[in-house]
Amino acid sequence: MMENLKPLGKKWAAQVTLADCNDDELLKRAREAGCLYLFVGLESFSPSALRRVNKGFNRVDSYRDITQKLHKHKIMIQAGIVFGFDEDTPATFQDTLAACEELGIDGVTVSLLTPLPRTPVYAGMKQEQRLLSEDWSLYNGKTDVVFHPRNMTSEQLFEGYLDFRRRFYSLPSFIRRRMRVSRTHLFYNFIINLGYRLAHKR
């Protein structure tokens, strides 16, 4: 597939697994074929939170190596991050921001934990009477908290989520993440960060 993309001269992105990010040959071919960034579902920087939702294969201690490997191949990383795990506290937002800045994460797609029906998370929260609503239009992971978090209020979770997005896409954070650590495709990433920044202000 990479050989077919390369002659087109297009810039593109894709969603991949953490395992894909360890394949140097794949990353090399992707970059040569025009790949600008890859979306990787890191989910959380808490190993216990990842284990609870059966994402233990996401090893937090490997995030640094993965990020550095992508940057070595001149590919930016767009990290998927979720807030609202039972292990999360009000300090989680700042801790996650600090970790992203230290690693040089280029961009994030942030979501609120959403206990979707027919999942173990939903079943557990329903049994514990922690669901705030069963209006499925609110179960979008972006605009509403639909459950009682364990270690903070639903209001603290929502405000922390919004504040993280604002602070991550602020100019000071951009400088710390991008200009001091990543330094990968600064022009493209500035435009992407600016787009997210403007979108979050609406």
N, C-alpha and C. Protein backbone atom coordinates (compact mmCIF):
# COMPACT_ATOMS: atom_id res chain seq x y z
N MET A 1 0.82 -1.20 0.00
CA MET A 1 0.00 0.00 0.00
C MET A 1 0.86 1.26 0.00
N MET A 2 1.95 1.27 0.79
CA MET A 2 2.81 2.44 0.87
C MET A 2 3.41 2.77 -0.50
N GLU A 3 3.74 1.73 -1.26
CA GLU A 3 4.32 1.95 -2.58
C GLU A 3 3.32 2.64 -3.51
N ASN A 4 2.03 2.36 -3.31
CA ASN A 4 1.00 2.99 -4.13
C ASN A 4 0.74 4.43 -3.72
N LEU A 5 0.93 4.73 -2.44
CA LEU A 5 0.70 6.08 -1.95
C LEU A 5 1.83 7.03 -2.32
N LYS A 6 3.03 6.54 -2.30
CA LYS A 6 4.21 7.40 -2.46
C LYS A 6 4.17 8.24 -3.75
N PRO A 7 3.83 7.67 -4.91
CA PRO A 7 3.85 8.49 -6.14
C PRO A 7 2.79 9.59 -6.15
N LEU A 8 1.79 9.50 -5.28
CA LEU A 8 0.71 10.49 -5.28
C LEU A 8 1.15 11.83 -4.67
N GLY A 9 2.19 11.79 -3.87
CA GLY A 9 2.69 13.01 -3.25
C GLY A 9 1.73 13.64 -2.26
N LYS A 10 0.90 12.85 -1.64
CA LYS A 10 -0.10 13.35 -0.69
C LYS A 10 0.42 13.30 0.75
N LYS A 11 -0.10 14.19 1.59
CA LYS A 11 0.16 14.14 3.02
C LYS A 11 -1.04 13.47 3.68
N TRP A 12 -0.79 12.56 4.60
CA TRP A 12 -1.89 11.81 5.17
C TRP A 12 -1.60 11.40 6.60
N ALA A 13 -2.64 10.89 7.28
CA ALA A 13 -2.52 10.40 8.65
C ALA A 13 -3.30 9.10 8.76
N ALA A 14 -3.05 8.35 9.83
CA ALA A 14 -3.75 7.09 10.02
C ALA A 14 -3.81 6.74 11.51
N GLN A 15 -4.71 5.85 11.83
CA GLN A 15 -4.80 5.32 13.19
C GLN A 15 -4.09 3.98 13.24
N VAL A 16 -3.23 3.80 14.24
CA VAL A 16 -2.44 2.58 14.35
C VAL A 16 -2.43 2.07 15.79
N THR A 17 -1.93 0.87 15.97
CA THR A 17 -1.77 0.31 17.31
C THR A 17 -0.38 0.65 17.85
N LEU A 18 -0.21 0.46 19.15
CA LEU A 18 1.11 0.68 19.73
C LEU A 18 2.14 -0.27 19.13
N ALA A 19 1.70 -1.49 18.80
CA ALA A 19 2.61 -2.47 18.20
C ALA A 19 3.13 -1.97 16.85
N ASP A 20 2.26 -1.33 16.08
CA ASP A 20 2.69 -0.80 14.78
C ASP A 20 3.82 0.22 14.94
N CYS A 21 3.79 0.95 16.05
CA CYS A 21 4.78 2.01 16.27
C CYS A 21 6.17 1.46 16.58
N ASN A 22 6.27 0.16 16.78
CA ASN A 22 7.57 -0.45 17.04
C ASN A 22 8.19 -1.02 15.77
N ASP A 23 7.48 -0.89 14.66
CA ASP A 23 7.95 -1.45 13.38
C ASP A 23 8.68 -0.36 12.61
N ASP A 24 10.00 -0.34 12.72
CA ASP A 24 10.80 0.70 12.07
C ASP A 24 10.63 0.71 10.56
N GLU A 25 10.55 -0.46 9.96
CA GLU A 25 10.41 -0.52 8.51
C GLU A 25 9.07 0.06 8.07
N LEU A 26 8.01 -0.25 8.82
CA LEU A 26 6.69 0.30 8.51
C LEU A 26 6.70 1.82 8.64
N LEU A 27 7.30 2.34 9.71
CA LEU A 27 7.36 3.78 9.92
C LEU A 27 8.17 4.47 8.83
N LYS A 28 9.26 3.85 8.43
CA LYS A 28 10.10 4.41 7.37
C LYS A 28 9.31 4.51 6.06
N ARG A 29 8.60 3.44 5.72
CA ARG A 29 7.83 3.45 4.48
C ARG A 29 6.66 4.43 4.56
N ALA A 30 6.06 4.52 5.74
CA ALA A 30 4.95 5.46 5.92
C ALA A 30 5.42 6.89 5.71
N ARG A 31 6.55 7.23 6.31
CA ARG A 31 7.07 8.59 6.17
C ARG A 31 7.42 8.90 4.71
N GLU A 32 8.05 7.96 4.04
CA GLU A 32 8.41 8.15 2.65
C GLU A 32 7.17 8.30 1.76
N ALA A 33 6.05 7.71 2.20
CA ALA A 33 4.82 7.77 1.42
C ALA A 33 3.98 9.00 1.76
N GLY A 34 4.48 9.86 2.69
CA GLY A 34 3.79 11.11 2.97
C GLY A 34 3.07 11.18 4.30
N CYS A 35 3.29 10.22 5.19
CA CYS A 35 2.61 10.23 6.49
C CYS A 35 3.10 11.41 7.34
N LEU A 36 2.16 12.22 7.82
CA LEU A 36 2.48 13.34 8.70
C LEU A 36 2.35 12.95 10.16
N TYR A 37 1.25 12.29 10.50
CA TYR A 37 1.08 11.90 11.91
C TYR A 37 0.25 10.62 12.01
N LEU A 38 0.41 9.96 13.15
CA LEU A 38 -0.32 8.74 13.45
C LEU A 38 -1.11 8.92 14.74
N PHE A 39 -2.35 8.47 14.72
CA PHE A 39 -3.18 8.48 15.92
C PHE A 39 -2.95 7.18 16.69
N VAL A 40 -2.60 7.32 17.98
CA VAL A 40 -2.33 6.16 18.83
C VAL A 40 -3.16 6.29 20.10
N GLY A 41 -3.91 5.26 20.43
CA GLY A 41 -4.75 5.30 21.63
C GLY A 41 -3.96 4.99 22.89
N LEU A 42 -3.34 6.00 23.48
CA LEU A 42 -2.63 5.80 24.74
C LEU A 42 -3.62 5.60 25.88
N GLU A 43 -4.75 6.27 25.83
CA GLU A 43 -5.87 6.18 26.78
C GLU A 43 -5.58 6.83 28.13
N SER A 44 -4.52 6.40 28.81
CA SER A 44 -4.24 6.90 30.16
C SER A 44 -2.77 6.71 30.48
N PHE A 45 -2.29 7.50 31.46
CA PHE A 45 -0.93 7.32 31.96
C PHE A 45 -0.95 6.55 33.29
N SER A 46 -2.08 5.93 33.61
CA SER A 46 -2.22 5.14 34.83
C SER A 46 -2.27 3.66 34.50
N PRO A 47 -1.24 2.88 34.85
CA PRO A 47 -1.25 1.45 34.56
C PRO A 47 -2.45 0.73 35.18
N SER A 48 -2.85 1.12 36.40
CA SER A 48 -3.97 0.45 37.05
C SER A 48 -5.29 0.75 36.33
N ALA A 49 -5.44 1.98 35.82
CA ALA A 49 -6.64 2.32 35.06
C ALA A 49 -6.71 1.50 33.78
N LEU A 50 -5.58 1.33 33.11
CA LEU A 50 -5.54 0.56 31.87
C LEU A 50 -5.88 -0.91 32.14
N ARG A 51 -5.36 -1.45 33.24
CA ARG A 51 -5.67 -2.84 33.58
C ARG A 51 -7.15 -3.02 33.87
N ARG A 52 -7.75 -2.05 34.53
CA ARG A 52 -9.16 -2.16 34.91
C ARG A 52 -10.06 -2.27 33.68
N VAL A 53 -9.69 -1.59 32.60
CA VAL A 53 -10.52 -1.62 31.39
C VAL A 53 -9.92 -2.55 30.33
N ASN A 54 -9.12 -3.51 30.80
CA ASN A 54 -8.54 -4.53 29.92
C ASN A 54 -7.67 -3.93 28.81
N LYS A 55 -6.96 -2.85 29.15
CA LYS A 55 -6.00 -2.26 28.22
C LYS A 55 -4.58 -2.39 28.78
N GLY A 56 -4.37 -3.46 29.55
CA GLY A 56 -3.06 -3.66 30.16
C GLY A 56 -1.94 -3.81 29.17
N PHE A 57 -2.29 -4.12 27.90
CA PHE A 57 -1.25 -4.24 26.86
C PHE A 57 -0.68 -2.87 26.51
N ASN A 58 -1.38 -1.79 26.93
CA ASN A 58 -0.79 -0.44 26.80
C ASN A 58 0.17 -0.23 27.95
N ARG A 59 1.44 -0.33 27.70
CA ARG A 59 2.43 -0.20 28.76
C ARG A 59 2.89 1.26 28.84
N VAL A 60 2.56 1.89 29.96
CA VAL A 60 2.89 3.31 30.13
C VAL A 60 4.40 3.53 30.02
N ASP A 61 5.18 2.56 30.50
CA ASP A 61 6.63 2.74 30.46
C ASP A 61 7.20 2.64 29.04
N SER A 62 6.35 2.31 28.07
CA SER A 62 6.81 2.27 26.67
C SER A 62 6.44 3.53 25.90
N TYR A 63 5.64 4.41 26.50
CA TYR A 63 5.17 5.60 25.78
C TYR A 63 6.32 6.49 25.31
N ARG A 64 7.34 6.63 26.15
CA ARG A 64 8.48 7.47 25.77
C ARG A 64 9.20 6.90 24.54
N ASP A 65 9.47 5.60 24.56
CA ASP A 65 10.17 4.99 23.43
C ASP A 65 9.36 5.11 22.14
N ILE A 66 8.05 4.91 22.26
CA ILE A 66 7.19 4.99 21.08
C ILE A 66 7.18 6.40 20.50
N THR A 67 7.04 7.39 21.38
CA THR A 67 7.02 8.78 20.93
C THR A 67 8.34 9.15 20.27
N GLN A 68 9.44 8.76 20.88
CA GLN A 68 10.75 9.07 20.32
C GLN A 68 10.97 8.38 18.98
N LYS A 69 10.45 7.16 18.86
CA LYS A 69 10.63 6.43 17.60
C LYS A 69 9.85 7.11 16.48
N LEU A 70 8.63 7.54 16.76
CA LEU A 70 7.86 8.25 15.74
C LEU A 70 8.56 9.54 15.32
N HIS A 71 9.05 10.28 16.30
CA HIS A 71 9.74 11.53 15.99
C HIS A 71 11.03 11.28 15.20
N LYS A 72 11.70 10.17 15.50
CA LYS A 72 12.92 9.84 14.76
C LYS A 72 12.61 9.65 13.28
N HIS A 73 11.42 9.14 13.00
CA HIS A 73 11.00 8.93 11.61
C HIS A 73 10.26 10.15 11.05
N LYS A 74 10.30 11.28 11.79
CA LYS A 74 9.66 12.53 11.35
C LYS A 74 8.15 12.38 11.21
N ILE A 75 7.56 11.62 12.13
CA ILE A 75 6.11 11.43 12.16
C ILE A 75 5.60 11.96 13.50
N MET A 76 4.57 12.78 13.45
CA MET A 76 3.98 13.32 14.67
C MET A 76 3.05 12.29 15.30
N ILE A 77 2.83 12.41 16.61
CA ILE A 77 1.94 11.51 17.32
C ILE A 77 0.71 12.28 17.82
N GLN A 78 -0.47 11.77 17.47
CA GLN A 78 -1.74 12.29 17.98
C GLN A 78 -2.24 11.23 18.96
N ALA A 79 -2.24 11.58 20.24
CA ALA A 79 -2.57 10.60 21.28
C ALA A 79 -4.03 10.67 21.67
N GLY A 80 -4.68 9.52 21.73
CA GLY A 80 -6.03 9.44 22.26
C GLY A 80 -5.96 9.29 23.77
N ILE A 81 -6.60 10.19 24.51
CA ILE A 81 -6.56 10.17 25.98
C ILE A 81 -7.98 10.23 26.52
N VAL A 82 -8.26 9.44 27.55
CA VAL A 82 -9.59 9.38 28.16
C VAL A 82 -9.49 9.78 29.62
N PHE A 83 -10.41 10.63 30.07
CA PHE A 83 -10.49 11.00 31.48
C PHE A 83 -11.79 10.46 32.08
N GLY A 84 -11.69 10.01 33.33
CA GLY A 84 -12.87 9.52 34.03
C GLY A 84 -12.74 8.11 34.57
N PHE A 85 -11.55 7.51 34.43
CA PHE A 85 -11.35 6.19 35.01
C PHE A 85 -11.49 6.27 36.53
N ASP A 86 -11.81 5.16 37.15
CA ASP A 86 -11.99 5.16 38.61
C ASP A 86 -10.73 5.57 39.35
N GLU A 87 -9.59 5.39 38.74
CA GLU A 87 -8.32 5.77 39.36
C GLU A 87 -8.03 7.26 39.23
N ASP A 88 -8.74 7.95 38.37
CA ASP A 88 -8.48 9.37 38.13
C ASP A 88 -8.92 10.22 39.32
N THR A 89 -8.14 11.26 39.58
CA THR A 89 -8.43 12.22 40.64
C THR A 89 -8.30 13.63 40.05
N PRO A 90 -8.63 14.68 40.81
CA PRO A 90 -8.44 16.03 40.28
C PRO A 90 -6.99 16.32 39.86
N ALA A 91 -6.03 15.58 40.41
CA ALA A 91 -4.63 15.80 40.05
C ALA A 91 -4.27 15.15 38.72
N THR A 92 -5.12 14.27 38.21
CA THR A 92 -4.81 13.52 36.99
C THR A 92 -4.64 14.44 35.79
N PHE A 93 -5.41 15.51 35.72
CA PHE A 93 -5.36 16.40 34.56
C PHE A 93 -4.00 17.08 34.43
N GLN A 94 -3.50 17.61 35.55
CA GLN A 94 -2.20 18.25 35.53
C GLN A 94 -1.09 17.23 35.30
N ASP A 95 -1.22 16.06 35.93
CA ASP A 95 -0.21 15.02 35.75
C ASP A 95 -0.13 14.57 34.30
N THR A 96 -1.28 14.45 33.65
CA THR A 96 -1.32 14.03 32.25
C THR A 96 -0.73 15.10 31.35
N LEU A 97 -1.04 16.36 31.63
CA LEU A 97 -0.48 17.46 30.85
C LEU A 97 1.04 17.48 30.97
N ALA A 98 1.54 17.32 32.20
CA ALA A 98 2.98 17.31 32.42
C ALA A 98 3.65 16.17 31.66
N ALA A 99 3.01 15.00 31.67
CA ALA A 99 3.57 13.84 30.96
C ALA A 99 3.59 14.08 29.46
N CYS A 100 2.51 14.65 28.93
CA CYS A 100 2.45 14.93 27.49
C CYS A 100 3.53 15.94 27.08
N GLU A 101 3.73 16.95 27.90
CA GLU A 101 4.74 17.95 27.58
C GLU A 101 6.14 17.38 27.68
N GLU A 102 6.38 16.53 28.66
CA GLU A 102 7.70 15.93 28.82
C GLU A 102 8.03 15.01 27.64
N LEU A 103 7.03 14.26 27.16
CA LEU A 103 7.26 13.32 26.06
C LEU A 103 7.27 14.02 24.70
N GLY A 104 6.70 15.22 24.63
CA GLY A 104 6.62 15.90 23.34
C GLY A 104 5.47 15.40 22.50
N ILE A 105 4.35 15.05 23.14
CA ILE A 105 3.17 14.62 22.40
C ILE A 105 2.71 15.78 21.52
N ASP A 106 2.54 15.51 20.24
CA ASP A 106 2.25 16.60 19.30
C ASP A 106 0.80 17.07 19.35
N GLY A 107 -0.12 16.16 19.53
CA GLY A 107 -1.53 16.50 19.60
C GLY A 107 -2.29 15.47 20.40
N VAL A 108 -3.46 15.85 20.89
CA VAL A 108 -4.28 14.90 21.63
C VAL A 108 -5.72 14.97 21.16
N THR A 109 -6.38 13.84 21.20
CA THR A 109 -7.82 13.76 21.05
C THR A 109 -8.35 13.29 22.40
N VAL A 110 -9.02 14.18 23.12
CA VAL A 110 -9.40 13.90 24.50
C VAL A 110 -10.88 13.54 24.56
N SER A 111 -11.19 12.53 25.36
CA SER A 111 -12.58 12.09 25.53
C SER A 111 -12.89 11.87 27.00
N LEU A 112 -14.18 11.91 27.30
CA LEU A 112 -14.67 11.53 28.63
C LEU A 112 -15.03 10.06 28.61
N LEU A 113 -14.68 9.35 29.67
CA LEU A 113 -15.08 7.95 29.77
C LEU A 113 -16.59 7.84 29.59
N THR A 114 -17.01 6.93 28.72
CA THR A 114 -18.43 6.78 28.44
C THR A 114 -18.83 5.32 28.62
N PRO A 115 -19.64 5.01 29.63
CA PRO A 115 -20.05 3.62 29.88
C PRO A 115 -21.12 3.17 28.90
N LEU A 116 -20.69 2.74 27.75
CA LEU A 116 -21.64 2.35 26.70
C LEU A 116 -22.38 1.06 27.06
N PRO A 117 -23.66 0.96 26.72
CA PRO A 117 -24.43 -0.25 27.01
C PRO A 117 -23.77 -1.51 26.46
N ARG A 118 -23.98 -2.60 27.19
CA ARG A 118 -23.45 -3.92 26.84
C ARG A 118 -21.94 -4.00 27.00
N THR A 119 -21.37 -3.11 27.79
CA THR A 119 -19.96 -3.21 28.15
C THR A 119 -19.84 -3.48 29.64
N PRO A 120 -18.74 -4.08 30.08
CA PRO A 120 -18.56 -4.33 31.51
C PRO A 120 -18.58 -3.03 32.33
N VAL A 121 -18.05 -1.94 31.78
CA VAL A 121 -18.05 -0.67 32.51
C VAL A 121 -19.49 -0.21 32.77
N TYR A 122 -20.32 -0.32 31.74
CA TYR A 122 -21.73 0.08 31.90
C TYR A 122 -22.43 -0.81 32.93
N ALA A 123 -22.22 -2.11 32.81
CA ALA A 123 -22.88 -3.05 33.73
C ALA A 123 -22.47 -2.78 35.17
N GLY A 124 -21.17 -2.52 35.38
CA GLY A 124 -20.69 -2.25 36.73
C GLY A 124 -21.27 -0.96 37.30
N MET A 125 -21.30 0.09 36.48
CA MET A 125 -21.82 1.36 36.97
C MET A 125 -23.32 1.32 37.20
N LYS A 126 -24.02 0.58 36.37
CA LYS A 126 -25.47 0.45 36.56
C LYS A 126 -25.76 -0.30 37.86
N GLN A 127 -25.01 -1.35 38.12
CA GLN A 127 -25.19 -2.11 39.36
C GLN A 127 -24.87 -1.26 40.58
N GLU A 128 -23.86 -0.40 40.47
CA GLU A 128 -23.48 0.47 41.58
C GLU A 128 -24.32 1.75 41.64
N GLN A 129 -25.28 1.88 40.72
CA GLN A 129 -26.17 3.05 40.65
C GLN A 129 -25.38 4.36 40.49
N ARG A 130 -24.41 4.32 39.60
CA ARG A 130 -23.56 5.49 39.36
C ARG A 130 -23.91 6.22 38.07
N LEU A 131 -24.89 5.72 37.31
CA LEU A 131 -25.26 6.38 36.06
C LEU A 131 -26.11 7.61 36.36
N LEU A 132 -25.82 8.70 35.69
CA LEU A 132 -26.56 9.95 35.88
C LEU A 132 -27.72 10.08 34.90
N SER A 133 -27.64 9.40 33.79
CA SER A 133 -28.67 9.51 32.76
C SER A 133 -28.59 8.31 31.83
N GLU A 134 -29.73 7.98 31.24
CA GLU A 134 -29.77 6.99 30.17
C GLU A 134 -30.31 7.61 28.90
N ASP A 135 -30.10 8.92 28.78
CA ASP A 135 -30.37 9.63 27.54
C ASP A 135 -29.17 9.40 26.64
N TRP A 136 -29.31 8.51 25.65
CA TRP A 136 -28.16 8.07 24.86
C TRP A 136 -27.56 9.19 24.03
N SER A 137 -28.29 10.27 23.81
CA SER A 137 -27.71 11.40 23.07
C SER A 137 -26.58 12.06 23.84
N LEU A 138 -26.52 11.83 25.16
CA LEU A 138 -25.46 12.41 25.98
C LEU A 138 -24.22 11.52 26.02
N TYR A 139 -24.34 10.31 25.52
CA TYR A 139 -23.25 9.33 25.60
C TYR A 139 -22.31 9.48 24.40
N ASN A 140 -21.73 10.68 24.25
CA ASN A 140 -20.87 10.93 23.10
C ASN A 140 -19.40 11.11 23.47
N GLY A 141 -19.10 11.10 24.77
CA GLY A 141 -17.71 11.20 25.20
C GLY A 141 -17.10 12.56 25.10
N LYS A 142 -17.89 13.59 24.77
CA LYS A 142 -17.34 14.92 24.53
C LYS A 142 -18.05 16.03 25.30
N THR A 143 -19.35 15.96 25.40
CA THR A 143 -20.11 17.12 25.91
C THR A 143 -20.74 16.92 27.28
N ASP A 144 -20.78 15.68 27.77
CA ASP A 144 -21.46 15.42 29.04
C ASP A 144 -20.79 14.28 29.81
N VAL A 145 -20.80 14.42 31.14
CA VAL A 145 -20.42 13.31 32.02
C VAL A 145 -21.71 12.60 32.40
N VAL A 146 -21.78 11.31 32.16
CA VAL A 146 -23.05 10.59 32.35
C VAL A 146 -22.99 9.61 33.53
N PHE A 147 -21.99 9.77 34.39
CA PHE A 147 -21.87 8.88 35.54
C PHE A 147 -21.21 9.62 36.70
N HIS A 148 -21.32 9.04 37.89
CA HIS A 148 -20.64 9.57 39.07
C HIS A 148 -19.21 9.03 39.10
N PRO A 149 -18.18 9.87 38.91
CA PRO A 149 -16.80 9.39 39.04
C PRO A 149 -16.54 8.93 40.48
N ARG A 150 -15.50 8.11 40.66
CA ARG A 150 -15.24 7.56 41.99
C ARG A 150 -14.47 8.54 42.88
N ASN A 151 -13.53 9.29 42.30
CA ASN A 151 -12.64 10.10 43.13
C ASN A 151 -12.75 11.60 42.89
N MET A 152 -13.85 12.03 42.29
CA MET A 152 -14.13 13.45 42.10
C MET A 152 -15.60 13.58 41.75
N THR A 153 -16.09 14.80 41.70
CA THR A 153 -17.47 15.00 41.27
C THR A 153 -17.55 15.00 39.76
N SER A 154 -18.76 14.84 39.24
CA SER A 154 -18.94 14.88 37.79
C SER A 154 -18.57 16.26 37.26
N GLU A 155 -18.83 17.30 38.06
CA GLU A 155 -18.46 18.66 37.65
C GLU A 155 -16.95 18.82 37.59
N GLN A 156 -16.23 18.25 38.55
CA GLN A 156 -14.77 18.32 38.54
C GLN A 156 -14.20 17.59 37.32
N LEU A 157 -14.80 16.47 36.98
CA LEU A 157 -14.33 15.72 35.82
C LEU A 157 -14.52 16.54 34.55
N PHE A 158 -15.69 17.13 34.38
CA PHE A 158 -15.96 17.88 33.16
C PHE A 158 -15.09 19.13 33.08
N GLU A 159 -14.96 19.85 34.17
CA GLU A 159 -14.13 21.07 34.16
C GLU A 159 -12.66 20.73 33.96
N GLY A 160 -12.21 19.63 34.57
CA GLY A 160 -10.81 19.21 34.39
C GLY A 160 -10.52 18.82 32.96
N TYR A 161 -11.47 18.16 32.34
CA TYR A 161 -11.36 17.76 30.93
C TYR A 161 -11.28 18.99 30.02
N LEU A 162 -12.16 19.97 30.25
CA LEU A 162 -12.13 21.19 29.45
C LEU A 162 -10.83 21.97 29.68
N ASP A 163 -10.42 22.06 30.93
CA ASP A 163 -9.21 22.81 31.26
C ASP A 163 -7.97 22.15 30.64
N PHE A 164 -7.93 20.83 30.65
CA PHE A 164 -6.80 20.13 30.02
C PHE A 164 -6.72 20.47 28.55
N ARG A 165 -7.84 20.45 27.86
CA ARG A 165 -7.84 20.77 26.43
C ARG A 165 -7.34 22.19 26.19
N ARG A 166 -7.82 23.13 26.98
CA ARG A 166 -7.40 24.52 26.81
C ARG A 166 -5.90 24.67 27.06
N ARG A 167 -5.43 24.05 28.11
CA ARG A 167 -4.02 24.22 28.48
C ARG A 167 -3.09 23.47 27.53
N PHE A 168 -3.50 22.29 27.08
CA PHE A 168 -2.65 21.54 26.15
C PHE A 168 -2.43 22.33 24.87
N TYR A 169 -3.47 22.98 24.36
CA TYR A 169 -3.37 23.70 23.09
C TYR A 169 -3.04 25.18 23.28
N SER A 170 -2.56 25.54 24.46
CA SER A 170 -2.10 26.91 24.69
C SER A 170 -0.71 27.09 24.09
N LEU A 171 -0.33 28.34 23.86
CA LEU A 171 0.99 28.62 23.29
C LEU A 171 2.13 28.14 24.19
N PRO A 172 2.06 28.37 25.52
CA PRO A 172 3.15 27.88 26.38
C PRO A 172 3.34 26.37 26.29
N SER A 173 2.23 25.63 26.24
CA SER A 173 2.35 24.18 26.13
C SER A 173 2.90 23.78 24.77
N PHE A 174 2.48 24.48 23.72
CA PHE A 174 3.00 24.20 22.38
C PHE A 174 4.52 24.36 22.36
N ILE A 175 5.00 25.41 22.99
CA ILE A 175 6.45 25.65 23.02
C ILE A 175 7.15 24.54 23.79
N ARG A 176 6.59 24.15 24.93
CA ARG A 176 7.23 23.09 25.74
C ARG A 176 7.22 21.75 25.02
N ARG A 177 6.10 21.42 24.39
CA ARG A 177 5.97 20.11 23.74
C ARG A 177 6.68 20.04 22.41
N ARG A 178 6.46 21.06 21.61
CA ARG A 178 6.85 20.98 20.22
C ARG A 178 8.24 21.56 19.94
N MET A 179 8.48 22.77 20.43
CA MET A 179 9.73 23.44 20.07
C MET A 179 10.90 22.98 20.91
N ARG A 180 10.62 22.46 22.11
CA ARG A 180 11.71 22.02 22.98
C ARG A 180 11.92 20.50 22.94
N VAL A 181 10.88 19.74 22.57
CA VAL A 181 11.01 18.27 22.62
C VAL A 181 10.81 17.64 21.24
N SER A 182 9.63 17.78 20.68
CA SER A 182 9.31 17.08 19.43
C SER A 182 10.07 17.63 18.23
N ARG A 183 9.86 18.91 17.94
CA ARG A 183 10.50 19.59 16.81
C ARG A 183 10.24 18.87 15.48
N THR A 184 9.08 18.24 15.37
CA THR A 184 8.72 17.50 14.16
C THR A 184 7.64 18.27 13.41
N HIS A 185 7.90 18.62 12.16
CA HIS A 185 6.93 19.33 11.32
C HIS A 185 6.32 20.53 12.04
N LEU A 186 7.14 21.44 12.45
CA LEU A 186 6.68 22.57 13.26
C LEU A 186 5.58 23.37 12.56
N PHE A 187 5.70 23.60 11.27
CA PHE A 187 4.68 24.40 10.58
C PHE A 187 3.34 23.68 10.57
N TYR A 188 3.33 22.43 10.12
CA TYR A 188 2.08 21.67 10.08
C TYR A 188 1.47 21.57 11.47
N ASN A 189 2.31 21.31 12.46
CA ASN A 189 1.77 21.10 13.80
C ASN A 189 1.25 22.40 14.40
N PHE A 190 1.88 23.51 14.07
CA PHE A 190 1.36 24.80 14.55
C PHE A 190 -0.05 25.03 14.00
N ILE A 191 -0.26 24.73 12.72
CA ILE A 191 -1.58 24.89 12.12
C ILE A 191 -2.60 23.96 12.78
N ILE A 192 -2.20 22.70 13.02
CA ILE A 192 -3.10 21.74 13.65
C ILE A 192 -3.45 22.19 15.07
N ASN A 193 -2.43 22.61 15.83
CA ASN A 193 -2.66 23.06 17.20
C ASN A 193 -3.55 24.30 17.21
N LEU A 194 -3.33 25.21 16.28
CA LEU A 194 -4.14 26.42 16.21
C LEU A 194 -5.59 26.06 15.90
N GLY A 195 -5.80 25.11 15.01
CA GLY A 195 -7.16 24.69 14.68
C GLY A 195 -7.89 24.13 15.88
N TYR A 196 -7.20 23.27 16.64
CA TYR A 196 -7.81 22.72 17.86
C TYR A 196 -8.07 23.83 18.87
N ARG A 197 -7.12 24.74 18.99
CA ARG A 197 -7.25 25.85 19.94
C ARG A 197 -8.50 26.67 19.64
N LEU A 198 -8.70 27.01 18.38
CA LEU A 198 -9.85 27.80 17.99
C LEU A 198 -11.15 27.02 18.17
N ALA A 199 -11.11 25.72 17.88
CA ALA A 199 -12.31 24.89 18.04
C ALA A 199 -12.73 24.80 19.50
N HIS A 200 -11.76 24.70 20.41
CA HIS A 200 -12.08 24.56 21.82
C HIS A 200 -12.57 25.86 22.44
N LYS A 201 -12.35 26.97 21.76
CA LYS A 201 -12.82 28.25 22.27
C LYS A 201 -14.30 28.48 21.96
N ARG A 202 -14.84 27.68 21.04
CA ARG A 202 -16.23 27.89 20.64
C ARG A 202 -17.20 27.39 21.72
